[in-house]
Protein backbone atom coordinates (compact mmCIF):
# COMPACT_ATOMS: atom_id res chain seq x y z
CA MET A 1 -12.90 -60.23 -133.35
CA THR A 2 -10.04 -58.10 -134.95
CA LEU A 3 -11.38 -55.94 -137.28
CA ASP A 4 -9.34 -54.97 -140.25
CA THR A 5 -8.33 -51.10 -141.54
CA ASN A 6 -10.72 -51.50 -144.02
CA ILE A 7 -13.21 -51.44 -142.05
CA LEU A 8 -12.65 -48.19 -138.58
CA ILE A 9 -12.12 -46.51 -141.76
CA ALA A 10 -15.71 -47.18 -143.47
CA TYR A 11 -16.58 -46.44 -139.46
CA LEU A 12 -14.65 -43.21 -139.66
CA ASN A 13 -16.98 -42.48 -142.78
CA GLY A 14 -19.95 -43.08 -140.99
CA GLU A 15 -21.30 -45.33 -142.79
CA ARG A 16 -24.57 -46.77 -140.85
CA GLU A 17 -24.46 -50.47 -141.57
CA VAL A 18 -20.57 -50.43 -140.27
CA VAL A 19 -20.92 -48.23 -137.03
CA ASP A 20 -23.78 -50.21 -135.94
CA PHE A 21 -21.96 -52.94 -135.53
CA VAL A 22 -19.43 -52.03 -133.87
CA LEU A 23 -21.76 -49.71 -131.56
CA GLU A 24 -23.97 -53.35 -130.92
CA GLN A 25 -20.29 -55.27 -131.02
CA ARG A 26 -19.37 -52.72 -127.87
CA GLU A 27 -22.50 -52.42 -126.01
CA ALA A 28 -22.78 -56.74 -126.22
CA GLY A 29 -19.17 -56.09 -124.47
CA ARG A 30 -16.59 -58.28 -127.34
CA ALA A 31 -13.60 -57.42 -127.42
CA MET A 32 -12.17 -55.50 -130.40
CA PHE A 33 -8.56 -56.50 -131.63
CA MET A 34 -6.67 -54.44 -133.98
CA SER A 35 -3.54 -55.89 -135.23
CA SER A 36 -0.67 -52.26 -135.25
CA ILE A 37 -0.71 -52.92 -138.48
CA VAL A 38 -3.82 -51.26 -138.67
CA VAL A 39 -3.02 -48.35 -136.07
CA ALA A 40 -0.38 -47.29 -139.04
CA GLU A 41 -2.05 -47.69 -141.77
CA LEU A 42 -5.16 -45.66 -140.32
CA LEU A 43 -2.05 -43.06 -139.08
CA SER A 44 -1.13 -42.43 -142.19
CA LEU A 45 -4.45 -41.57 -144.07
CA PRO A 46 -2.86 -38.98 -146.49
CA LYS A 47 -5.71 -36.30 -145.58
CA LEU A 48 -4.59 -36.98 -142.10
CA ALA A 49 -4.37 -32.93 -140.44
CA ASP A 50 -2.31 -32.65 -136.80
CA ALA A 51 -5.82 -32.41 -135.63
CA ASP A 52 -7.50 -35.22 -137.39
CA PHE A 53 -4.26 -37.32 -136.08
CA ARG A 54 -5.29 -36.56 -132.88
CA ARG A 55 -8.51 -37.68 -132.99
CA MET A 56 -7.65 -40.02 -134.67
CA GLU A 57 -5.19 -41.62 -132.07
CA ASP A 58 -8.46 -40.73 -129.19
CA PHE A 59 -10.50 -43.56 -131.65
CA ILE A 60 -7.75 -45.46 -132.04
CA ALA A 61 -7.53 -45.83 -128.12
CA ASN A 62 -11.08 -47.31 -127.69
CA PHE A 63 -9.67 -50.83 -129.01
CA ILE A 64 -7.32 -53.54 -128.31
CA SER A 65 -4.10 -53.01 -130.18
CA VAL A 66 -2.49 -55.45 -130.55
CA PRO A 67 1.93 -56.25 -130.92
CA PHE A 68 2.96 -57.37 -133.90
CA ASP A 69 4.77 -59.61 -132.35
CA ASN A 70 6.82 -62.84 -133.33
CA ALA A 71 4.70 -65.14 -133.04
CA ILE A 72 2.11 -62.79 -135.54
CA ALA A 73 5.13 -62.10 -137.95
CA VAL A 74 6.14 -66.06 -137.82
CA THR A 75 1.89 -66.78 -139.10
CA ALA A 76 1.75 -63.90 -141.56
CA ALA A 77 5.74 -64.68 -143.14
CA SER A 78 2.84 -68.22 -143.91
CA LEU A 79 0.39 -67.17 -144.38
CA ARG A 80 2.25 -65.16 -147.00
CA ARG A 81 4.05 -67.37 -148.57
CA GLN A 82 1.34 -69.86 -148.92
CA TYR A 83 -1.87 -67.33 -149.33
CA LYS A 84 0.57 -64.73 -151.81
CA LEU A 85 -0.89 -61.78 -149.21
CA GLU A 86 0.83 -57.91 -149.17
CA LEU A 87 3.13 -57.94 -145.48
CA PRO A 88 -0.29 -55.14 -143.87
CA ASP A 89 -2.63 -58.34 -145.08
CA ALA A 90 -1.14 -60.72 -143.96
CA ALA A 91 0.44 -59.47 -140.78
CA ILE A 92 -4.27 -58.62 -140.02
CA ALA A 93 -4.81 -61.93 -140.73
CA ALA A 94 -2.38 -63.59 -138.79
CA THR A 95 -3.49 -61.11 -135.86
CA ALA A 96 -6.61 -62.84 -136.46
CA LEU A 97 -5.82 -66.46 -136.13
CA ILE A 98 -3.23 -65.45 -132.89
CA ARG A 99 -6.27 -64.51 -131.28
CA GLN A 100 -8.64 -66.90 -131.95
CA THR A 101 -11.23 -64.36 -133.04
CA PRO A 102 -13.08 -63.76 -136.60
CA LEU A 103 -11.73 -61.21 -138.58
CA ILE A 104 -14.47 -58.32 -139.76
CA THR A 105 -13.36 -57.02 -143.40
CA ARG A 106 -14.02 -56.16 -146.37
CA ASP A 107 -11.82 -57.35 -148.20
CA ARG A 108 -12.97 -59.93 -150.55
CA GLY A 109 -9.17 -61.61 -150.75
CA PHE A 110 -9.16 -62.70 -147.14
CA ARG A 111 -11.52 -65.29 -148.08
CA LYS A 112 -8.56 -67.64 -149.82
CA ILE A 113 -7.05 -68.42 -146.48
CA SER A 114 -9.12 -71.16 -145.28
CA GLU A 115 -7.85 -70.83 -141.89
CA LEU A 116 -9.14 -67.69 -140.72
CA THR A 117 -12.73 -67.06 -139.90
CA PHE A 118 -14.03 -63.70 -140.93
CA ILE A 119 -17.37 -62.02 -141.65
CA GLU A 120 -17.80 -59.16 -144.53
CA LEU A 121 -19.54 -56.12 -143.75
């Protein structure tokens, strides 16, 4: 599965439903991917102090980061044109499509992407 930024923020905020879901997936041995765009979004949160930044890097290491490469860029560009998405959302959706995994998100804007399988938490 591919995790959207809002799911990881909810996890970090201790939201029980999301924490339980992520822990269940980890215990089941399921791979959890995140776009390198999600990494950038998490590490650029304005409230991060230096110590928080280091803790965030440690947290991110628990997931498989997928680089924003040319295959994902081409897919993201196509999604962006077709669905009028912002680049970060197009990149995250493209990551899920390329990895052939559902996108775990709270963003209902992804519903319009017919090619995408997603789970809303």
